[in-house]
């Protein structure tokens, strides 16, 4: 399956994310990562919090690519879409680490 199928089925839709939206999602993920490391918390809760951190980063990545998952099956669709943007995300991560850009904008070939 390719990304075009997701668009045709309206599983994702175009979304123009602001720098503030991406920053907010990253901040929630950072907070959840810190909280998931709390030794006094039950393992199940730690896993749930770590999952939420992962989901927030996936939502940020999809938004940075210019899309948003549908409400129904949002977790599934968001995580599935990571595979379509993987190399772009790696490039984005390295450009942020290198101090080149905090506002990712991708162009992509659908197919």
N, C-alpha and C. Protein backbone atom coordinates (compact mmCIF):
# COMPACT_ATOMS: atom_id res chain seq x y z
N UNK A 1 0.85 -1.17 0.00
CA UNK A 1 0.00 0.00 0.00
C UNK A 1 0.89 1.23 0.00
N UNK A 2 0.46 2.27 -0.69
CA UNK A 2 1.24 3.50 -0.71
C UNK A 2 0.43 4.67 -0.15
N UNK A 3 1.09 5.80 -0.02
CA UNK A 3 0.47 6.96 0.62
C UNK A 3 -0.73 7.46 -0.17
N UNK A 4 -0.71 7.31 -1.47
CA UNK A 4 -1.83 7.75 -2.31
C UNK A 4 -3.12 7.07 -1.88
N UNK A 5 -3.06 5.81 -1.49
CA UNK A 5 -4.24 5.08 -1.02
C UNK A 5 -4.80 5.73 0.24
N UNK A 6 -3.92 6.16 1.12
CA UNK A 6 -4.37 6.83 2.35
C UNK A 6 -5.11 8.13 2.02
N UNK A 7 -4.60 8.87 1.04
CA UNK A 7 -5.27 10.10 0.64
C UNK A 7 -6.61 9.80 -0.03
N UNK A 8 -6.63 8.83 -0.93
CA UNK A 8 -7.86 8.49 -1.64
C UNK A 8 -8.96 8.02 -0.69
N UNK A 9 -8.58 7.29 0.35
CA UNK A 9 -9.56 6.78 1.31
C UNK A 9 -9.86 7.78 2.43
N UNK A 10 -9.26 8.96 2.36
CA UNK A 10 -9.44 10.02 3.37
C UNK A 10 -9.00 9.57 4.75
N UNK A 11 -8.00 8.69 4.79
CA UNK A 11 -7.44 8.26 6.07
C UNK A 11 -6.50 9.33 6.61
N UNK A 12 -5.97 10.14 5.71
CA UNK A 12 -5.20 11.33 6.07
C UNK A 12 -5.70 12.46 5.20
N UNK A 13 -5.50 13.67 5.69
CA UNK A 13 -5.91 14.85 4.93
C UNK A 13 -4.81 15.90 5.04
N UNK A 14 -4.73 16.79 4.08
CA UNK A 14 -3.74 17.85 4.16
C UNK A 14 -3.94 18.69 5.43
N UNK A 15 -2.84 19.11 6.00
CA UNK A 15 -2.88 19.90 7.24
C UNK A 15 -1.66 20.81 7.27
N UNK A 16 -1.87 22.09 7.44
CA UNK A 16 -0.75 23.03 7.52
C UNK A 16 -0.44 23.26 8.99
N UNK A 17 0.64 22.68 9.44
CA UNK A 17 1.05 22.79 10.85
C UNK A 17 1.89 24.03 11.06
N UNK A 18 1.67 24.66 12.19
CA UNK A 18 2.49 25.81 12.55
C UNK A 18 3.72 25.34 13.33
N UNK A 19 4.70 26.21 13.41
CA UNK A 19 5.89 25.93 14.20
C UNK A 19 5.49 25.69 15.66
N UNK A 20 4.50 26.44 16.14
CA UNK A 20 4.03 26.31 17.52
C UNK A 20 3.37 24.95 17.76
N UNK A 21 2.61 24.46 16.79
CA UNK A 21 1.96 23.15 16.93
C UNK A 21 3.01 22.04 17.05
N UNK A 22 4.02 22.09 16.19
CA UNK A 22 5.08 21.09 16.23
C UNK A 22 5.81 21.17 17.57
N UNK A 23 6.10 22.37 18.01
CA UNK A 23 6.80 22.56 19.29
C UNK A 23 5.97 22.03 20.46
N UNK A 24 4.66 22.26 20.42
CA UNK A 24 3.78 21.77 21.49
C UNK A 24 3.76 20.25 21.53
N UNK A 25 3.67 19.62 20.39
CA UNK A 25 3.68 18.16 20.33
C UNK A 25 5.01 17.59 20.83
N UNK A 26 6.10 18.22 20.45
CA UNK A 26 7.41 17.78 20.92
C UNK A 26 7.55 17.97 22.43
N UNK A 27 6.99 19.06 22.95
CA UNK A 27 7.06 19.32 24.39
C UNK A 27 6.28 18.26 25.18
N UNK A 28 5.11 17.88 24.67
CA UNK A 28 4.33 16.82 25.32
C UNK A 28 5.10 15.51 25.30
N UNK A 29 5.73 15.21 24.17
CA UNK A 29 6.52 13.98 24.07
C UNK A 29 7.70 14.01 25.04
N UNK A 30 8.39 15.14 25.11
CA UNK A 30 9.51 15.26 26.05
C UNK A 30 9.05 15.05 27.49
N UNK A 31 7.94 15.66 27.85
CA UNK A 31 7.39 15.50 29.20
C UNK A 31 7.05 14.04 29.48
N UNK A 32 6.39 13.40 28.51
CA UNK A 32 6.00 12.00 28.71
C UNK A 32 7.20 11.07 28.79
N UNK A 33 8.23 11.36 28.02
CA UNK A 33 9.45 10.53 28.10
C UNK A 33 10.05 10.64 29.49
N UNK A 34 10.13 11.86 30.01
CA UNK A 34 10.66 12.04 31.36
C UNK A 34 9.79 11.29 32.38
N UNK A 35 8.47 11.43 32.29
CA UNK A 35 7.57 10.80 33.25
C UNK A 35 7.58 9.28 33.14
N UNK A 36 7.81 8.77 31.95
CA UNK A 36 7.81 7.30 31.78
C UNK A 36 9.03 6.66 32.43
N UNK A 37 9.99 7.45 32.81
CA UNK A 37 11.19 6.93 33.47
C UNK A 37 11.07 6.93 34.99
N UNK A 38 9.92 7.31 35.52
CA UNK A 38 9.74 7.36 36.97
C UNK A 38 9.78 5.95 37.55
N UNK A 39 10.71 5.71 38.44
CA UNK A 39 10.90 4.37 39.01
C UNK A 39 9.76 3.96 39.94
N UNK A 40 9.05 4.93 40.49
CA UNK A 40 7.99 4.62 41.44
C UNK A 40 6.64 4.34 40.77
N UNK A 41 6.63 4.25 39.46
CA UNK A 41 5.39 4.03 38.72
C UNK A 41 5.31 2.58 38.24
N UNK A 42 4.11 2.05 38.22
CA UNK A 42 3.90 0.69 37.72
C UNK A 42 4.32 0.58 36.25
N UNK A 43 4.87 -0.56 35.86
CA UNK A 43 5.34 -0.74 34.48
C UNK A 43 4.26 -0.47 33.42
N UNK A 44 3.02 -0.86 33.71
CA UNK A 44 1.94 -0.65 32.74
C UNK A 44 1.73 0.84 32.46
N UNK A 45 1.77 1.66 33.52
CA UNK A 45 1.61 3.11 33.36
C UNK A 45 2.80 3.70 32.62
N UNK A 46 3.98 3.21 32.94
CA UNK A 46 5.18 3.70 32.26
C UNK A 46 5.09 3.42 30.77
N UNK A 47 4.62 2.22 30.43
CA UNK A 47 4.45 1.88 29.02
C UNK A 47 3.42 2.79 28.36
N UNK A 48 2.28 3.01 29.01
CA UNK A 48 1.23 3.88 28.44
C UNK A 48 1.75 5.29 28.19
N UNK A 49 2.52 5.80 29.13
CA UNK A 49 3.05 7.15 28.97
C UNK A 49 4.09 7.19 27.85
N UNK A 50 4.94 6.17 27.78
CA UNK A 50 5.94 6.11 26.70
C UNK A 50 5.25 5.97 25.34
N UNK A 51 4.16 5.20 25.29
CA UNK A 51 3.40 5.07 24.04
C UNK A 51 2.86 6.43 23.62
N UNK A 52 2.32 7.18 24.57
CA UNK A 52 1.79 8.50 24.24
C UNK A 52 2.89 9.41 23.71
N UNK A 53 4.08 9.32 24.29
CA UNK A 53 5.20 10.12 23.79
C UNK A 53 5.49 9.76 22.33
N UNK A 54 5.50 8.48 22.03
CA UNK A 54 5.74 8.02 20.66
C UNK A 54 4.66 8.52 19.72
N UNK A 55 3.43 8.44 20.17
CA UNK A 55 2.31 8.89 19.34
C UNK A 55 2.40 10.39 19.07
N UNK A 56 2.75 11.17 20.07
CA UNK A 56 2.86 12.62 19.88
C UNK A 56 3.95 12.95 18.86
N UNK A 57 5.06 12.22 18.91
CA UNK A 57 6.12 12.44 17.93
C UNK A 57 5.68 12.02 16.53
N UNK A 58 4.90 10.95 16.44
CA UNK A 58 4.38 10.52 15.14
C UNK A 58 3.40 11.55 14.58
N UNK A 59 2.54 12.10 15.45
CA UNK A 59 1.60 13.15 15.02
C UNK A 59 2.39 14.36 14.54
N UNK A 60 3.45 14.73 15.27
CA UNK A 60 4.29 15.86 14.87
C UNK A 60 4.95 15.62 13.52
N UNK A 61 5.44 14.40 13.32
CA UNK A 61 6.10 14.07 12.05
C UNK A 61 5.11 14.15 10.89
N UNK A 62 3.93 13.60 11.08
CA UNK A 62 2.92 13.64 10.02
C UNK A 62 2.49 15.08 9.75
N UNK A 63 2.32 15.86 10.81
CA UNK A 63 1.94 17.27 10.65
C UNK A 63 3.05 18.05 9.94
N UNK A 64 4.29 17.76 10.29
CA UNK A 64 5.41 18.44 9.64
C UNK A 64 5.48 18.11 8.16
N UNK A 65 5.00 16.93 7.80
CA UNK A 65 4.96 16.52 6.40
C UNK A 65 3.76 17.12 5.68
N UNK A 66 2.87 17.79 6.44
CA UNK A 66 1.73 18.47 5.83
C UNK A 66 0.43 17.69 5.86
N UNK A 67 0.31 16.74 6.79
CA UNK A 67 -0.88 15.90 6.84
C UNK A 67 -1.34 15.66 8.27
N UNK A 68 -2.56 15.19 8.37
CA UNK A 68 -3.17 14.84 9.66
C UNK A 68 -4.03 13.60 9.44
N UNK A 69 -3.97 12.67 10.38
CA UNK A 69 -4.77 11.44 10.26
C UNK A 69 -6.23 11.72 10.62
N UNK A 70 -7.10 10.90 10.03
CA UNK A 70 -8.52 11.00 10.37
C UNK A 70 -8.72 10.71 11.86
N UNK A 71 -9.85 11.12 12.40
CA UNK A 71 -10.12 10.89 13.82
C UNK A 71 -10.32 9.41 14.13
N UNK A 72 -11.09 8.73 13.30
CA UNK A 72 -11.29 7.31 13.51
C UNK A 72 -10.00 6.59 13.14
N UNK A 73 -9.52 5.73 14.00
CA UNK A 73 -8.26 5.00 13.78
C UNK A 73 -7.04 5.92 13.72
N UNK A 74 -7.11 7.04 14.42
CA UNK A 74 -6.04 8.04 14.35
C UNK A 74 -4.68 7.47 14.76
N UNK A 75 -4.65 6.73 15.86
CA UNK A 75 -3.37 6.16 16.31
C UNK A 75 -2.79 5.26 15.23
N UNK A 76 -3.60 4.35 14.74
CA UNK A 76 -3.14 3.39 13.74
C UNK A 76 -2.66 4.09 12.48
N UNK A 77 -3.48 5.00 11.94
CA UNK A 77 -3.12 5.67 10.68
C UNK A 77 -1.86 6.52 10.84
N UNK A 78 -1.75 7.20 11.98
CA UNK A 78 -0.58 8.05 12.21
C UNK A 78 0.69 7.21 12.22
N UNK A 79 0.67 6.13 12.96
CA UNK A 79 1.86 5.28 13.07
C UNK A 79 2.17 4.59 11.75
N UNK A 80 1.14 4.16 11.04
CA UNK A 80 1.37 3.54 9.73
C UNK A 80 2.05 4.50 8.76
N UNK A 81 1.70 5.75 8.84
CA UNK A 81 2.26 6.74 7.91
C UNK A 81 3.73 7.03 8.14
N UNK A 82 4.25 6.67 9.30
CA UNK A 82 5.67 6.92 9.55
C UNK A 82 6.56 6.29 8.49
N UNK A 83 6.15 5.12 8.01
CA UNK A 83 6.94 4.43 6.99
C UNK A 83 7.05 5.22 5.69
N UNK A 84 6.05 6.03 5.38
CA UNK A 84 6.08 6.81 4.14
C UNK A 84 7.05 7.98 4.24
N UNK A 85 7.33 8.42 5.47
CA UNK A 85 8.14 9.62 5.66
C UNK A 85 9.47 9.33 6.35
N UNK A 86 9.82 8.08 6.52
CA UNK A 86 10.97 7.71 7.34
C UNK A 86 12.24 8.47 6.98
N UNK A 87 12.66 8.42 5.72
CA UNK A 87 13.93 9.07 5.35
C UNK A 87 13.84 10.58 5.47
N UNK A 88 12.68 11.13 5.22
CA UNK A 88 12.51 12.57 5.40
C UNK A 88 12.64 12.93 6.87
N UNK A 89 12.13 12.07 7.76
CA UNK A 89 12.23 12.33 9.20
C UNK A 89 13.67 12.26 9.68
N UNK A 90 14.42 11.30 9.15
CA UNK A 90 15.83 11.20 9.52
C UNK A 90 16.56 12.47 9.10
N UNK A 91 16.31 12.94 7.89
CA UNK A 91 16.93 14.17 7.40
C UNK A 91 16.53 15.36 8.25
N UNK A 92 15.23 15.44 8.61
CA UNK A 92 14.73 16.52 9.44
C UNK A 92 15.42 16.50 10.80
N UNK A 93 15.52 15.33 11.40
CA UNK A 93 16.16 15.21 12.71
C UNK A 93 17.60 15.68 12.66
N UNK A 94 18.33 15.26 11.65
CA UNK A 94 19.72 15.68 11.56
C UNK A 94 19.85 17.18 11.29
N UNK A 95 18.93 17.75 10.52
CA UNK A 95 19.01 19.19 10.26
C UNK A 95 18.73 19.99 11.52
N UNK A 96 17.83 19.49 12.39
CA UNK A 96 17.56 20.17 13.65
C UNK A 96 18.78 20.07 14.57
N UNK A 97 19.36 18.87 14.66
CA UNK A 97 20.55 18.68 15.49
C UNK A 97 21.68 19.58 15.00
N UNK A 98 21.80 19.73 13.71
CA UNK A 98 22.85 20.57 13.13
C UNK A 98 22.52 22.05 13.25
N UNK A 99 21.32 22.39 13.71
CA UNK A 99 20.93 23.78 13.89
C UNK A 99 20.47 24.46 12.62
N UNK A 100 20.17 23.67 11.59
CA UNK A 100 19.79 24.26 10.31
C UNK A 100 18.36 24.76 10.28
N UNK A 101 17.44 24.05 10.93
CA UNK A 101 16.03 24.42 10.81
C UNK A 101 15.24 23.85 11.96
N UNK A 102 14.29 24.62 12.45
CA UNK A 102 13.35 24.13 13.46
C UNK A 102 11.97 23.93 12.84
N UNK A 103 11.77 24.38 11.61
CA UNK A 103 10.47 24.26 10.97
C UNK A 103 10.61 23.34 9.76
N UNK A 104 10.27 22.07 9.94
CA UNK A 104 10.41 21.15 8.81
C UNK A 104 9.35 21.38 7.76
N UNK A 105 9.73 21.32 6.53
CA UNK A 105 8.79 21.35 5.41
C UNK A 105 9.30 20.34 4.41
N UNK A 106 8.44 19.43 4.06
CA UNK A 106 8.85 18.35 3.16
C UNK A 106 8.15 18.50 1.82
N UNK A 107 8.81 18.06 0.80
CA UNK A 107 8.15 17.82 -0.47
C UNK A 107 8.26 16.32 -0.69
N UNK A 108 7.25 15.75 -1.26
CA UNK A 108 7.29 14.30 -1.42
C UNK A 108 6.65 13.89 -2.72
N UNK A 109 7.11 12.79 -3.24
CA UNK A 109 6.53 12.18 -4.43
C UNK A 109 5.59 11.08 -3.94
N UNK A 110 4.34 11.17 -4.30
CA UNK A 110 3.37 10.16 -3.90
C UNK A 110 3.47 8.97 -4.83
N UNK A 111 3.39 7.79 -4.24
CA UNK A 111 3.42 6.61 -5.09
C UNK A 111 4.04 5.44 -4.42
